[in-house]
Protein backbone atom coordinates (compact mmCIF):
# COMPACT_ATOMS: atom_id res chain seq x y z
CA MET A 1 -26.48 5.78 -2.56
CA ASP A 2 -28.54 6.45 1.03
CA ASN A 3 -28.20 9.62 2.72
CA PHE A 4 -25.74 10.29 5.10
CA THR A 5 -24.07 13.29 7.40
CA TYR A 6 -21.09 15.28 5.58
CA HIS A 7 -18.27 16.44 8.05
CA ARG A 8 -15.30 18.11 6.91
CA PRO A 9 -13.33 18.93 9.99
CA ALA A 10 -10.21 21.11 9.68
CA SER A 11 -7.96 19.32 12.37
CA VAL A 12 -7.40 15.70 13.14
CA GLY A 13 -8.69 16.08 16.94
CA ASP A 14 -12.11 17.32 15.32
CA ALA A 15 -12.27 14.31 12.78
CA VAL A 16 -11.69 11.50 15.51
CA ALA A 17 -14.69 13.52 17.49
CA ALA A 18 -16.77 13.40 14.55
CA MET A 19 -15.96 9.79 13.93
CA LYS A 20 -16.54 8.98 17.54
CA ALA A 21 -19.69 10.45 17.83
CA ALA A 22 -20.99 8.70 14.31
CA SER A 23 -23.09 5.76 14.78
CA ASP A 24 -21.46 4.10 11.60
CA GLY A 25 -19.35 6.65 10.27
CA LYS A 26 -16.42 6.16 7.48
CA TYR A 27 -12.89 8.35 6.80
CA LEU A 28 -12.97 9.95 3.26
CA SER A 29 -9.75 10.19 1.97
CA GLY A 30 -9.25 10.15 -1.99
CA GLY A 31 -12.39 8.12 -2.19
CA MET A 32 -11.43 5.91 -4.79
CA THR A 33 -12.81 2.73 -2.89
CA LEU A 34 -15.50 4.06 -0.57
CA ILE A 35 -17.45 6.21 -3.17
CA PRO A 36 -17.94 3.30 -5.65
CA THR A 37 -18.74 1.15 -2.91
CA MET A 38 -21.51 3.37 -1.57
CA LYS A 39 -22.98 3.69 -5.03
CA GLN A 40 -23.33 0.05 -5.52
CA GLY A 41 -25.03 -0.23 -2.09
CA LEU A 42 -22.56 -2.15 -0.58
CA ALA A 43 -21.76 0.36 2.46
CA SER A 44 -24.22 2.80 3.95
CA PRO A 45 -22.22 4.97 6.50
CA SER A 46 -24.15 6.90 8.42
CA ASP A 47 -21.48 9.79 8.31
CA ILE A 48 -18.77 10.58 6.16
CA VAL A 49 -15.55 12.47 7.70
CA ASP A 50 -13.93 13.88 4.95
CA LEU A 51 -10.16 14.27 5.43
CA SER A 52 -9.38 16.78 2.74
CA GLY A 53 -10.03 19.36 5.08
CA LEU A 54 -6.59 18.50 6.96
CA LYS A 55 -4.67 19.60 4.10
CA ASN A 56 -2.12 16.95 4.98
CA ALA A 57 -0.01 16.33 1.72
CA GLY A 58 3.83 16.61 1.40
CA ILE A 59 6.77 14.68 1.07
CA THR A 60 10.06 14.87 3.39
CA VAL A 61 13.32 13.43 2.30
CA GLY A 62 16.34 13.39 4.82
CA ALA A 63 17.51 10.52 6.68
CA THR A 64 14.14 8.98 6.07
CA VAL A 65 11.38 9.35 3.89
CA VAL A 66 7.89 10.74 5.39
CA ILE A 67 5.37 10.72 3.06
CA ASN A 68 1.97 12.59 4.88
CA ALA A 69 -1.10 10.68 4.33
CA GLY A 70 -3.06 12.84 2.14
CA THR A 71 -0.62 13.12 -0.65
CA THR A 72 -2.06 11.63 -3.70
CA HIS A 73 -0.28 8.87 -6.00
CA ALA A 74 0.71 11.05 -8.50
CA GLU A 75 2.60 13.64 -6.04
CA VAL A 76 4.35 10.51 -4.89
CA ALA A 77 5.12 9.27 -8.71
CA GLY A 78 6.48 12.96 -9.58
CA ASN A 79 8.65 13.86 -6.82
CA ALA A 80 11.90 14.07 -7.56
CA ALA A 81 13.72 13.94 -4.28
CA LEU A 82 11.73 10.73 -3.83
CA LYS A 83 12.78 9.12 -6.96
CA LYS A 84 16.29 9.63 -6.20
CA ALA A 85 16.02 8.32 -2.56
CA ILE A 86 13.13 5.45 -3.38
CA PRO A 87 12.85 4.93 -7.32
CA GLY A 88 10.71 1.87 -6.47
CA LEU A 89 8.28 3.41 -4.46
CA ALA A 90 7.87 6.29 -6.98
CA ALA A 91 7.59 3.70 -9.67
CA LEU A 92 4.80 1.89 -8.01
CA ALA A 93 2.93 4.80 -7.11
CA GLY A 94 2.98 5.83 -11.07
CA GLY A 95 1.59 2.46 -12.15
CA ILE A 96 -1.37 2.77 -9.91
CA GLY A 97 -5.07 2.66 -11.63
CA ASP A 98 -5.37 5.62 -14.36
CA PRO A 99 -4.41 9.44 -14.05
CA HIS A 100 -7.82 10.26 -12.12
CA VAL A 101 -7.11 7.63 -9.82
CA ARG A 102 -3.39 8.56 -9.16
CA HIS A 103 -4.66 12.26 -8.86
CA LYS A 104 -7.40 11.74 -6.43
CA GLY A 105 -6.03 8.85 -4.43
CA THR A 106 -4.15 8.93 -1.58
CA ILE A 107 -1.37 7.20 0.09
CA GLY A 108 -2.92 7.23 3.64
CA GLY A 109 -6.36 6.05 2.16
CA SER A 110 -4.97 3.08 0.30
CA ILE A 111 -3.28 1.76 3.26
CA ALA A 112 -5.99 2.00 5.55
CA ASN A 113 -8.11 0.45 3.29
CA ASN A 114 -5.54 -2.64 2.73
CA ASP A 115 -7.57 -3.72 -0.38
CA PRO A 116 -5.67 -7.37 -1.07
CA ALA A 117 -4.65 -6.40 -4.31
CA ALA A 118 -3.36 -2.63 -3.58
CA ASP A 119 0.18 -1.59 -4.38
CA TYR A 120 1.42 0.44 -1.44
CA PRO A 121 1.31 -2.53 1.42
CA SER A 122 3.56 -4.22 -0.44
CA ALA A 123 5.98 -1.10 -0.66
CA CYS A 124 5.42 -0.78 3.36
CA LEU A 125 6.15 -4.21 4.08
CA GLY A 126 8.90 -4.40 1.46
CA LEU A 127 10.81 -1.00 2.94
CA ASN A 128 10.03 -1.80 6.54
CA ALA A 129 7.89 1.35 6.84
CA THR A 130 6.38 2.70 10.10
CA ILE A 131 2.98 3.74 10.02
CA HIS A 132 2.07 7.35 12.38
CA THR A 133 -1.12 7.56 13.32
CA ASN A 134 -2.66 10.54 15.58
CA SER A 135 -2.15 8.35 18.34
CA ARG A 136 1.04 6.00 17.85
CA LYS A 137 3.32 4.64 15.44
CA VAL A 138 3.04 0.91 14.37
CA PRO A 139 5.78 -1.01 12.38
CA ALA A 140 4.24 -2.38 8.78
CA ASP A 141 4.69 -5.87 9.66
CA GLN A 142 2.22 -5.27 12.55
CA PHE A 143 -0.13 -2.83 10.44
CA PHE A 144 -1.70 -5.06 8.07
CA THR A 145 -3.53 -7.92 9.44
CA GLY A 146 -6.04 -9.42 6.73
CA MET A 147 -8.17 -8.35 3.92
CA PHE A 148 -9.39 -5.13 4.12
CA SER A 149 -8.30 -5.30 7.88
CA THR A 150 -5.28 -3.31 9.85
CA ALA A 151 -4.56 -2.50 13.25
CA LEU A 152 -6.28 0.85 13.28
CA ASP A 153 -8.20 1.18 16.38
CA GLU A 154 -11.34 2.87 15.79
CA GLY A 155 -11.39 6.59 15.02
CA GLU A 156 -8.00 6.11 14.69
CA VAL A 157 -6.49 8.21 11.64
CA VAL A 158 -3.19 7.64 9.47
CA THR A 159 -1.18 11.04 9.24
CA ALA A 160 1.75 9.94 7.63
CA ILE A 161 4.06 6.99 6.26
CA GLU A 162 7.83 7.05 7.16
CA PHE A 163 10.20 4.61 4.90
CA PRO A 164 13.71 3.96 5.72
CA ILE A 165 15.97 5.03 2.57
CA PRO A 166 17.49 1.38 1.17
CA LYS A 167 20.43 0.87 -1.09
CA LYS A 168 18.27 -0.55 -3.94
CA SER A 169 14.45 -0.86 -4.47
CA GLY A 170 12.17 -2.14 -7.03
CA TYR A 171 8.56 -3.25 -7.61
CA ALA A 172 6.99 -5.20 -10.47
CA LYS A 173 3.18 -6.41 -10.95
CA PHE A 174 1.39 -8.45 -13.15
CA PRO A 175 -1.74 -6.13 -13.54
CA ASN A 176 -5.39 -7.22 -14.06
CA PRO A 177 -6.11 -5.38 -17.66
CA ALA A 178 -9.41 -4.10 -16.44
CA SER A 179 -8.76 -2.51 -12.98
CA LEU A 180 -5.07 -2.46 -13.10
CA TYR A 181 -5.14 -3.92 -9.68
CA ALA A 182 -2.05 -6.43 -9.18
CA MET A 183 -2.96 -9.88 -9.72
CA VAL A 184 0.51 -10.17 -8.57
CA GLY A 185 2.92 -7.41 -7.48
CA VAL A 186 5.95 -8.01 -5.81
CA PHE A 187 8.29 -5.10 -4.00
CA ALA A 188 11.95 -6.10 -3.16
CA ALA A 189 14.29 -3.84 -1.20
CA GLN A 190 17.91 -4.34 0.21
CA GLY A 191 18.30 -2.27 3.28
CA SER A 192 21.24 -0.08 4.34
CA ASP A 193 22.18 -3.26 6.51
CA GLY A 194 22.22 -5.33 3.08
CA ALA A 195 19.53 -7.12 4.44
CA ALA A 196 16.61 -7.99 1.39
CA ARG A 197 13.06 -7.38 2.41
CA VAL A 198 10.49 -9.34 -0.66
CA ALA A 199 6.55 -8.45 -0.14
CA VAL A 200 4.03 -9.78 -2.43
CA THR A 201 0.45 -7.98 -3.00
CA GLY A 202 -2.43 -9.23 -5.11
CA ALA A 203 -1.56 -12.95 -4.47
CA GLY A 204 -3.49 -14.00 -1.25
CA ALA A 205 -5.68 -12.51 1.25
CA GLY A 206 -3.41 -9.68 2.07
CA VAL A 207 0.04 -8.72 1.58
CA PHE A 208 2.56 -11.11 2.74
CA ARG A 209 6.49 -11.67 2.94
CA VAL A 210 8.60 -14.49 1.26
CA PRO A 211 11.30 -15.61 3.89
CA ALA A 212 13.09 -17.80 1.38
CA MET A 213 13.45 -15.24 -1.08
CA GLU A 214 14.77 -12.70 1.50
CA ALA A 215 17.41 -14.73 2.82
CA ALA A 216 18.44 -15.76 -0.82
CA LEU A 217 18.89 -12.13 -1.83
CA SER A 218 20.51 -11.22 1.44
CA LYS A 219 23.38 -13.30 0.16
CA ASP A 220 23.03 -12.39 -3.28
CA PHE A 221 20.79 -9.82 -4.53
CA SER A 222 20.29 -10.99 -7.85
CA ALA A 223 17.65 -12.50 -9.90
CA ALA A 224 19.38 -15.60 -10.20
CA ALA A 225 19.52 -16.15 -6.46
CA LEU A 226 15.93 -16.82 -6.69
CA ASN A 227 16.49 -19.54 -8.75
CA GLY A 228 14.52 -22.68 -7.67
CA ILE A 229 12.46 -20.49 -5.07
CA THR A 230 8.72 -21.10 -4.81
CA VAL A 231 5.63 -20.30 -3.24
CA PRO A 232 2.80 -22.61 -2.23
CA ALA A 233 -0.35 -22.29 -4.10
CA LYS A 234 -2.24 -23.70 -1.49
CA ASP A 235 -3.32 -20.38 0.40
CA LEU A 236 -3.51 -18.01 -2.88
CA ASN A 237 -6.27 -16.45 -4.55
CA SER A 238 -8.52 -18.31 -7.54
CA ASP A 239 -10.50 -16.68 -9.48
CA LEU A 240 -11.71 -16.28 -13.12
CA HIS A 241 -8.45 -14.06 -13.62
CA ALA A 242 -5.96 -16.49 -12.66
CA THR A 243 -5.78 -19.68 -10.57
CA ALA A 244 -3.57 -20.28 -7.28
CA GLU A 245 -1.25 -21.98 -9.18
CA TYR A 246 -0.51 -19.20 -11.79
CA ARG A 247 -0.47 -16.76 -9.23
CA ALA A 248 2.31 -18.91 -7.14
CA HIS A 249 4.38 -18.91 -10.80
CA LEU A 250 3.65 -15.25 -11.22
CA ILE A 251 5.12 -14.64 -7.80
CA GLY A 252 8.72 -15.69 -8.74
CA VAL A 253 8.42 -14.14 -12.09
CA MET A 254 7.56 -10.91 -10.86
CA ALA A 255 9.92 -11.07 -7.80
CA LYS A 256 12.79 -11.64 -10.37
CA ARG A 257 11.68 -8.66 -12.40
CA ALA A 258 11.49 -6.53 -9.18
CA VAL A 259 15.25 -7.19 -8.22
CA GLU A 260 16.20 -6.38 -11.95
CA LYS A 261 14.69 -3.09 -11.63
CA ALA A 262 16.29 -2.45 -8.30
CA ARG A 263 19.68 -3.15 -9.68
């Protein structure tokens, strides 16, 4: 790991200022991705801006659910009010990594990093969430732009994620047995208006929705409604863990499981 300048600002404004002044700075939230990457020599930032000093954690459940960006996965998984409002989201958080990762990693860090196999992006898309930053609000459909890529501008900080409360929600994933990242994960939700959303992570270059499944579930929110609906393998990931064809098959299986969990 190379030398770097460490900053621990106490306000969002100070964090943004430190990042703008750095030649090649990185924000540090939980550090579950950044620190291992630096140890492997794959990233050598000039400056680290540690966001833990912002003390921006907490969950508010009202007409919507607002989760501050510094909230850990363990806090999301264990929040009683959230379990009642959006059980699928709480269950998703409880299945991320191991206890160490869940008690250190944060929801803001996860979505800002946008790993193609991360769990939270599927919840953001599946629940039609809104990403709050220090300067604006971005719909989840516009936030995730590609592999490790988001709509965040240089220096922009995620401050909170706002989730509408659905009628039903469920998440199912087929985890890599070593990393517990999703080889395929599917979040399914039925909105308050009855419209369904289905979001897939782990299968492609980034999180994506499945319109055909959404249309079927909007008419009949049941696993049986997904019979015969497939996702083409053409643009899916293929590696030593699973072929693109196997991931395509898993999308159908995980989607049905997610719907059953939601019901």
